[in-house]
N, C-alpha and C. Protein backbone atom coordinates (compact mmCIF):
# COMPACT_ATOMS: atom_id res chain seq x y z
N MET A 1 -42.30 77.96 -40.47
CA MET A 1 -43.59 78.23 -39.86
C MET A 1 -44.33 76.92 -39.59
N GLU A 2 -44.32 76.04 -40.56
CA GLU A 2 -45.01 74.76 -40.41
C GLU A 2 -44.37 73.92 -39.31
N THR A 3 -43.06 73.96 -39.22
CA THR A 3 -42.34 73.21 -38.19
C THR A 3 -42.72 73.71 -36.79
N GLU A 4 -42.87 75.03 -36.65
CA GLU A 4 -43.27 75.59 -35.36
C GLU A 4 -44.66 75.11 -34.96
N GLU A 5 -45.56 75.02 -35.92
CA GLU A 5 -46.92 74.54 -35.64
C GLU A 5 -46.90 73.09 -35.20
N ILE A 6 -46.07 72.28 -35.85
CA ILE A 6 -45.95 70.87 -35.48
C ILE A 6 -45.39 70.75 -34.07
N GLN A 7 -44.34 71.54 -33.76
CA GLN A 7 -43.75 71.49 -32.43
C GLN A 7 -44.75 71.93 -31.37
N THR A 8 -45.53 72.98 -31.68
CA THR A 8 -46.54 73.45 -30.74
C THR A 8 -47.58 72.37 -30.49
N THR A 9 -48.02 71.71 -31.55
CA THR A 9 -49.00 70.63 -31.42
C THR A 9 -48.44 69.50 -30.58
N GLN A 10 -47.18 69.15 -30.81
CA GLN A 10 -46.56 68.08 -30.04
C GLN A 10 -46.45 68.45 -28.57
N LEU A 11 -46.09 69.70 -28.30
CA LEU A 11 -46.01 70.16 -26.91
C LEU A 11 -47.37 70.13 -26.23
N GLU A 12 -48.41 70.52 -26.97
CA GLU A 12 -49.76 70.48 -26.42
C GLU A 12 -50.18 69.05 -26.13
N GLN A 13 -49.85 68.13 -27.02
CA GLN A 13 -50.19 66.72 -26.81
C GLN A 13 -49.45 66.16 -25.60
N GLN A 14 -48.19 66.56 -25.43
CA GLN A 14 -47.43 66.10 -24.27
C GLN A 14 -48.06 66.63 -22.97
N GLN A 15 -48.50 67.88 -23.01
CA GLN A 15 -49.13 68.47 -21.83
C GLN A 15 -50.43 67.75 -21.50
N VAL A 16 -51.21 67.43 -22.51
CA VAL A 16 -52.46 66.70 -22.30
C VAL A 16 -52.16 65.35 -21.66
N LYS A 17 -51.14 64.66 -22.15
CA LYS A 17 -50.77 63.36 -21.57
C LYS A 17 -50.35 63.50 -20.12
N ARG A 18 -49.58 64.55 -19.81
CA ARG A 18 -49.18 64.78 -18.42
C ARG A 18 -50.39 65.08 -17.54
N ASP A 19 -51.32 65.88 -18.07
CA ASP A 19 -52.53 66.20 -17.32
C ASP A 19 -53.36 64.95 -17.05
N ILE A 20 -53.51 64.12 -18.07
CA ILE A 20 -54.27 62.87 -17.91
C ILE A 20 -53.60 61.99 -16.87
N ASN A 21 -52.28 61.88 -16.94
CA ASN A 21 -51.55 61.07 -15.97
C ASN A 21 -51.76 61.59 -14.56
N TRP A 22 -51.72 62.90 -14.39
CA TRP A 22 -51.92 63.51 -13.08
C TRP A 22 -53.30 63.15 -12.54
N TYR A 23 -54.33 63.30 -13.37
CA TYR A 23 -55.69 62.96 -12.94
C TYR A 23 -55.82 61.47 -12.63
N GLN A 24 -55.19 60.64 -13.44
CA GLN A 24 -55.23 59.20 -13.17
C GLN A 24 -54.66 58.89 -11.80
N GLN A 25 -53.51 59.49 -11.50
CA GLN A 25 -52.87 59.25 -10.21
C GLN A 25 -53.74 59.74 -9.06
N LYS A 26 -54.33 60.92 -9.22
CA LYS A 26 -55.18 61.47 -8.16
C LYS A 26 -56.42 60.61 -7.94
N ILE A 27 -57.03 60.15 -9.01
CA ILE A 27 -58.22 59.30 -8.89
C ILE A 27 -57.86 57.98 -8.22
N LEU A 28 -56.76 57.37 -8.63
CA LEU A 28 -56.34 56.11 -8.02
C LEU A 28 -56.02 56.29 -6.55
N GLN A 29 -55.37 57.39 -6.22
CA GLN A 29 -55.06 57.69 -4.82
C GLN A 29 -56.34 57.87 -4.02
N TYR A 30 -57.28 58.62 -4.56
CA TYR A 30 -58.56 58.85 -3.89
C TYR A 30 -59.32 57.55 -3.72
N GLU A 31 -59.31 56.75 -4.78
CA GLU A 31 -60.00 55.46 -4.77
C GLU A 31 -59.45 54.57 -3.66
N GLU A 32 -58.13 54.55 -3.52
CA GLU A 32 -57.49 53.71 -2.51
C GLU A 32 -57.73 54.25 -1.10
N GLU A 33 -57.58 55.56 -0.93
CA GLU A 33 -57.74 56.15 0.40
C GLU A 33 -59.17 56.06 0.91
N ASN A 34 -60.13 56.15 0.02
CA ASN A 34 -61.53 56.18 0.43
C ASN A 34 -62.26 54.86 0.19
N LYS A 35 -61.53 53.88 -0.29
CA LYS A 35 -62.10 52.54 -0.53
C LYS A 35 -63.42 52.62 -1.31
N CYS A 36 -63.38 53.34 -2.42
CA CYS A 36 -64.58 53.47 -3.23
C CYS A 36 -64.27 53.11 -4.69
N SER A 37 -65.31 52.90 -5.44
CA SER A 37 -65.16 52.51 -6.84
C SER A 37 -65.14 53.74 -7.74
N LEU A 38 -64.74 53.53 -8.98
CA LEU A 38 -64.79 54.62 -9.95
C LEU A 38 -66.22 55.13 -10.13
N ARG A 39 -67.17 54.23 -10.05
CA ARG A 39 -68.59 54.63 -10.16
C ARG A 39 -68.95 55.60 -9.03
N ASP A 40 -68.49 55.30 -7.80
CA ASP A 40 -68.75 56.18 -6.67
C ASP A 40 -68.08 57.54 -6.87
N ILE A 41 -66.86 57.52 -7.36
CA ILE A 41 -66.14 58.76 -7.62
C ILE A 41 -66.86 59.58 -8.68
N ALA A 42 -67.32 58.91 -9.73
CA ALA A 42 -68.04 59.60 -10.80
C ALA A 42 -69.29 60.28 -10.26
N LYS A 43 -70.02 59.58 -9.39
CA LYS A 43 -71.22 60.18 -8.80
C LYS A 43 -70.85 61.41 -7.98
N GLU A 44 -69.75 61.31 -7.24
CA GLU A 44 -69.33 62.40 -6.37
C GLU A 44 -68.96 63.66 -7.15
N ILE A 45 -68.34 63.48 -8.31
CA ILE A 45 -67.96 64.65 -9.10
C ILE A 45 -68.97 64.94 -10.21
N GLU A 46 -70.10 64.27 -10.16
CA GLU A 46 -71.22 64.50 -11.07
C GLU A 46 -70.83 64.35 -12.54
N ILE A 47 -70.27 63.20 -12.84
CA ILE A 47 -69.92 62.85 -14.21
C ILE A 47 -70.33 61.39 -14.41
N SER A 48 -70.67 61.02 -15.62
CA SER A 48 -71.06 59.63 -15.83
C SER A 48 -69.82 58.74 -15.73
N PRO A 49 -69.99 57.51 -15.25
CA PRO A 49 -68.85 56.59 -15.15
C PRO A 49 -68.13 56.40 -16.49
N SER A 50 -68.89 56.34 -17.59
CA SER A 50 -68.24 56.14 -18.89
C SER A 50 -67.42 57.36 -19.28
N ASN A 51 -67.92 58.57 -18.99
CA ASN A 51 -67.15 59.77 -19.30
C ASN A 51 -65.90 59.87 -18.43
N LEU A 52 -66.02 59.46 -17.17
CA LEU A 52 -64.85 59.45 -16.30
C LEU A 52 -63.81 58.48 -16.84
N SER A 53 -64.24 57.32 -17.26
CA SER A 53 -63.33 56.34 -17.82
C SER A 53 -62.63 56.89 -19.07
N LYS A 54 -63.40 57.55 -19.94
CA LYS A 54 -62.80 58.15 -21.14
C LYS A 54 -61.80 59.22 -20.77
N LEU A 55 -62.13 60.02 -19.77
CA LEU A 55 -61.24 61.07 -19.31
C LEU A 55 -59.92 60.49 -18.81
N LEU A 56 -60.02 59.43 -18.03
CA LEU A 56 -58.83 58.83 -17.43
C LEU A 56 -57.97 58.07 -18.43
N THR A 57 -58.58 57.56 -19.48
CA THR A 57 -57.79 56.82 -20.47
C THR A 57 -57.34 57.70 -21.62
N GLY A 58 -57.88 58.91 -21.68
CA GLY A 58 -57.51 59.82 -22.76
C GLY A 58 -58.26 59.55 -24.04
N ASN A 59 -59.23 58.64 -24.00
CA ASN A 59 -60.03 58.35 -25.19
C ASN A 59 -61.10 59.40 -25.35
N ARG A 60 -61.24 59.86 -26.59
CA ARG A 60 -62.31 60.81 -26.87
C ARG A 60 -62.67 60.73 -28.33
N LYS A 61 -63.89 61.11 -28.61
CA LYS A 61 -64.36 61.08 -30.00
C LYS A 61 -63.80 62.28 -30.74
N GLY A 62 -63.68 62.12 -32.06
CA GLY A 62 -63.26 63.26 -32.87
C GLY A 62 -62.07 62.94 -33.58
């Protein structure tokens, strides 16, 4: 039972990493295509630049 929980947690972590990577790629693509900064992108999606940076790097408190 404990092994299954560990495997589930690992799979969830892998999915989170894939999701973060996907968002990173999309943001970089958007940034390049539209010649704008991360700050401009953050304004457009109504998120603070620091929160966007945390989202893209996978850093979070807790």
